[in-house]
Protein backbone atom coordinates (compact mmCIF):
# COMPACT_ATOMS: atom_id res chain seq x y z
CA MET A 1 -21.64 -5.87 2.29
CA SER A 2 -21.06 -2.48 0.70
CA ARG A 3 -18.79 0.12 2.17
CA PHE A 4 -19.37 3.34 0.22
CA ALA A 5 -17.83 5.80 2.64
CA SER A 6 -16.68 4.97 6.11
CA ILE A 7 -14.11 5.80 8.69
CA LEU A 8 -12.15 2.76 9.78
CA ILE A 9 -10.63 2.66 13.25
CA PRO A 10 -8.56 0.03 15.07
CA ALA A 11 -10.79 -2.66 16.56
CA SER A 12 -10.66 -3.50 20.24
CA GLU A 13 -8.61 -6.65 19.58
CA PRO A 14 -4.81 -6.44 19.80
CA PRO A 15 -2.79 -6.34 16.54
CA MET A 16 -1.32 -9.61 15.28
CA GLN A 17 2.15 -10.36 13.97
CA VAL A 18 3.66 -13.22 12.01
CA ALA A 19 7.28 -12.78 13.10
CA SER A 20 10.32 -14.01 11.19
CA LEU A 21 8.44 -15.94 8.49
CA GLY A 22 11.24 -17.79 6.71
CA ALA A 23 12.28 -17.28 3.10
CA HIS A 24 9.84 -18.93 0.69
CA ALA A 25 7.71 -20.18 3.61
CA ALA A 26 3.97 -20.05 4.28
CA SER A 27 2.54 -19.06 7.64
CA THR A 28 0.15 -21.06 9.74
CA ALA A 29 -3.51 -20.05 9.58
CA VAL A 30 -4.30 -16.61 11.01
CA THR A 31 -7.95 -16.27 12.06
CA ILE A 32 -9.34 -12.83 11.27
CA GLY A 33 -13.06 -13.63 11.49
CA ALA A 34 -15.86 -13.67 8.93
CA GLY A 35 -17.16 -10.26 7.92
CA ARG A 36 -14.12 -8.47 9.36
CA ILE A 37 -12.11 -5.69 7.76
CA PHE A 38 -8.37 -5.70 8.36
CA VAL A 39 -5.16 -4.05 7.26
CA ILE A 40 -1.93 -5.94 6.56
CA ASN A 41 1.65 -5.02 5.72
CA ALA A 42 5.07 -6.67 5.78
CA ASP A 43 8.73 -5.75 5.44
CA GLN A 44 9.13 -8.19 2.50
CA ASP A 45 6.93 -8.95 -0.51
CA ILE A 46 4.26 -11.47 0.53
CA ALA A 47 1.39 -13.37 -1.09
CA ILE A 48 -1.93 -13.98 0.67
CA SER A 49 -4.68 -16.59 0.51
CA PHE A 50 -8.18 -16.45 2.02
CA GLY A 51 -10.50 -19.25 3.11
CA ALA A 52 -12.35 -21.04 5.84
CA ALA A 53 -10.21 -22.27 8.73
CA ALA A 54 -10.81 -25.96 7.97
CA THR A 55 -10.04 -25.76 4.25
CA ILE A 56 -7.66 -22.83 3.64
CA ILE A 57 -4.87 -23.53 1.17
CA ALA A 58 -1.31 -22.36 1.76
CA PRO A 59 -0.39 -19.65 -0.73
CA ASP A 60 2.63 -19.66 -2.99
CA GLY A 61 4.14 -17.18 -5.43
CA THR A 62 1.07 -17.27 -7.70
CA TYR A 63 -1.33 -15.81 -5.11
CA TYR A 64 -2.23 -12.14 -4.63
CA ARG A 65 0.98 -10.18 -4.01
CA ILE A 66 1.36 -7.43 -1.43
CA PRO A 67 4.57 -5.47 -2.05
CA ALA A 68 6.97 -4.80 0.85
CA ASN A 69 5.96 -1.89 3.07
CA GLN A 70 2.59 -1.59 1.30
CA GLN A 71 -0.43 -1.25 3.58
CA THR A 72 -3.43 -3.11 2.15
CA THR A 73 -7.00 -3.26 3.48
CA PHE A 74 -9.23 -6.29 2.94
CA ASP A 75 -12.83 -7.19 3.80
CA MET A 76 -13.10 -10.89 4.67
CA GLY A 77 -16.71 -11.16 3.45
CA SER A 78 -19.07 -13.81 4.76
CA ALA A 79 -17.38 -16.95 3.38
CA ASN A 80 -13.82 -16.43 4.68
CA ASP A 81 -12.51 -16.20 8.22
CA THR A 82 -8.82 -17.11 7.87
CA ILE A 83 -5.72 -16.02 5.94
CA LYS A 84 -2.30 -17.48 5.28
CA VAL A 85 0.68 -15.51 3.99
CA TYR A 86 3.70 -16.59 1.98
CA ASN A 87 7.08 -14.87 2.09
CA LEU A 88 8.16 -14.21 -1.50
CA SER A 89 11.76 -13.37 -0.54
CA ALA A 90 14.31 -16.05 -1.35
CA THR A 91 16.80 -14.81 1.25
CA THR A 92 15.19 -12.69 3.98
CA ALA A 93 12.68 -13.49 6.71
CA ALA A 94 9.46 -11.45 6.68
CA ASN A 95 7.66 -9.76 9.55
CA VAL A 96 3.94 -9.46 8.83
CA TYR A 97 1.68 -7.06 10.75
CA ILE A 98 -2.12 -7.37 10.87
CA MET A 99 -4.71 -5.15 12.53
CA ARG A 100 -8.45 -5.72 12.58
CA LEU A 101 -10.49 -2.60 11.85
CA SER A 102 -13.99 -1.45 12.78
CA VAL A 103 -16.37 0.91 11.02
CA MET A 104 -16.95 4.03 13.07
């Protein structure tokens, strides 16, 4: 799916949070939904993995990094419906915030 120019707005679903994700720990699976666009940020550096709910792999420090306090937008595409995040901090718990978006 191409998105040349669009206005993204919060979807009707409530935002999600992965609260107090321990140092060097991976989250449980977070279902976003296939074909969905979402925004994610965290108060610590995190890594993220994408996949299908039944087969998603837990990320580690080698996966795509999202720096602390960086807002990043992703399109899940048609093959993925789930994410997992990994807290890259060795000492501090991470709070991860996720919001599904819709095209206006």
